[in-house]
Amino acid sequence: MPDEPSALAPADPDDVRRALAFALTFDGRKRFRHADELAAHITAQHLARYLELAGFVVMKKPPRAGHSTSGGGPVSP
């Protein structure tokens, strides 16, 4: 079931820029061999600025709840 729309909030523009720069620099956890970090940040700023000026609103889910290791009580057999 999809998340409730009310749980979404507008993303911080700095978070969008950082996410774009990361996406331009890394492929998953592996760094692109020829990725220039400065170029990635400049491109991310340009893309984020364009999206904002074009009227796009990027939404972000709230952080996920942490994983509990307490066991949560007895388990029925």
Protein backbone atom coordinates (compact mmCIF):
# COMPACT_ATOMS: atom_id res chain seq x y z
CA MET A 1 0.00 0.00 0.00
CA PRO A 2 1.45 3.41 -0.90
CA ASP A 3 2.42 5.82 1.85
CA GLU A 4 -0.16 8.35 2.91
CA PRO A 5 0.17 11.57 0.87
CA SER A 6 -0.05 13.60 4.09
CA ALA A 7 3.21 11.96 5.26
CA LEU A 8 5.10 13.74 2.47
CA ALA A 9 6.76 17.11 3.00
CA PRO A 10 8.63 19.41 0.60
CA ALA A 11 12.29 18.43 0.45
CA ASP A 12 14.95 20.87 1.57
CA PRO A 13 16.63 22.35 -1.56
CA ASP A 14 20.07 21.58 -0.07
CA ASP A 15 19.06 17.91 0.32
CA VAL A 16 17.99 17.84 -3.34
CA ARG A 17 21.32 19.35 -4.43
CA ARG A 18 23.30 16.86 -2.34
CA ALA A 19 21.26 13.92 -3.68
CA LEU A 20 21.78 15.06 -7.28
CA ALA A 21 25.51 15.57 -6.73
CA PHE A 22 25.79 12.11 -5.17
CA ALA A 23 23.90 10.57 -8.10
CA LEU A 24 26.27 12.30 -10.55
CA THR A 25 29.34 11.08 -8.63
CA PHE A 26 28.43 7.53 -7.58
CA ASP A 27 26.77 4.49 -9.12
CA GLY A 28 25.29 2.89 -6.03
CA ARG A 29 28.23 2.68 -3.65
CA LYS A 30 30.83 2.60 -6.41
CA ARG A 31 32.42 5.90 -7.41
CA PHE A 32 32.44 6.70 -11.13
CA ARG A 33 36.04 6.57 -12.36
CA HIS A 34 35.89 9.85 -14.26
CA ALA A 35 33.50 11.72 -11.98
CA ASP A 36 34.71 15.17 -11.12
CA GLU A 37 33.23 16.11 -7.76
CA LEU A 38 33.26 19.85 -8.48
CA ALA A 39 31.48 19.35 -11.82
CA ALA A 40 28.90 17.14 -10.10
CA HIS A 41 28.16 19.82 -7.49
CA ILE A 42 27.88 22.56 -10.12
CA THR A 43 25.58 20.41 -12.25
CA ALA A 44 23.45 19.50 -9.23
CA GLN A 45 23.06 23.17 -8.29
CA HIS A 46 22.06 24.01 -11.86
CA LEU A 47 19.51 21.18 -12.02
CA ALA A 48 18.01 22.01 -8.61
CA ARG A 49 17.75 25.71 -9.51
CA TYR A 50 16.06 24.87 -12.82
CA LEU A 51 13.57 22.51 -11.15
CA GLU A 52 12.70 25.20 -8.60
CA LEU A 53 12.28 27.93 -11.24
CA ALA A 54 10.15 25.60 -13.40
CA GLY A 55 7.74 25.11 -10.49
CA PHE A 56 8.63 21.55 -9.56
CA VAL A 57 8.17 20.52 -5.95
CA VAL A 58 10.28 17.60 -4.78
CA MET A 59 8.68 15.71 -1.92
CA LYS A 60 10.42 13.66 0.73
CA LYS A 61 9.13 10.90 2.98
CA PRO A 62 9.74 11.19 6.73
CA PRO A 63 12.69 9.16 8.06
CA ARG A 64 11.98 5.48 8.64
CA ALA A 65 11.57 4.24 12.18
CA GLY A 66 14.69 2.66 13.61
CA HIS A 67 15.06 -1.09 13.79
CA SER A 68 14.17 -2.50 17.18
CA THR A 69 16.30 -5.29 18.62
CA SER A 70 14.22 -5.58 21.79
CA GLY A 71 12.33 -8.59 20.46
CA GLY A 72 8.91 -7.02 20.93
CA GLY A 73 7.63 -9.66 23.37
CA PRO A 74 7.08 -13.41 23.31
CA VAL A 75 6.62 -15.26 20.04
CA SER A 76 3.78 -17.79 19.77
CA PRO A 77 4.80 -21.25 18.51
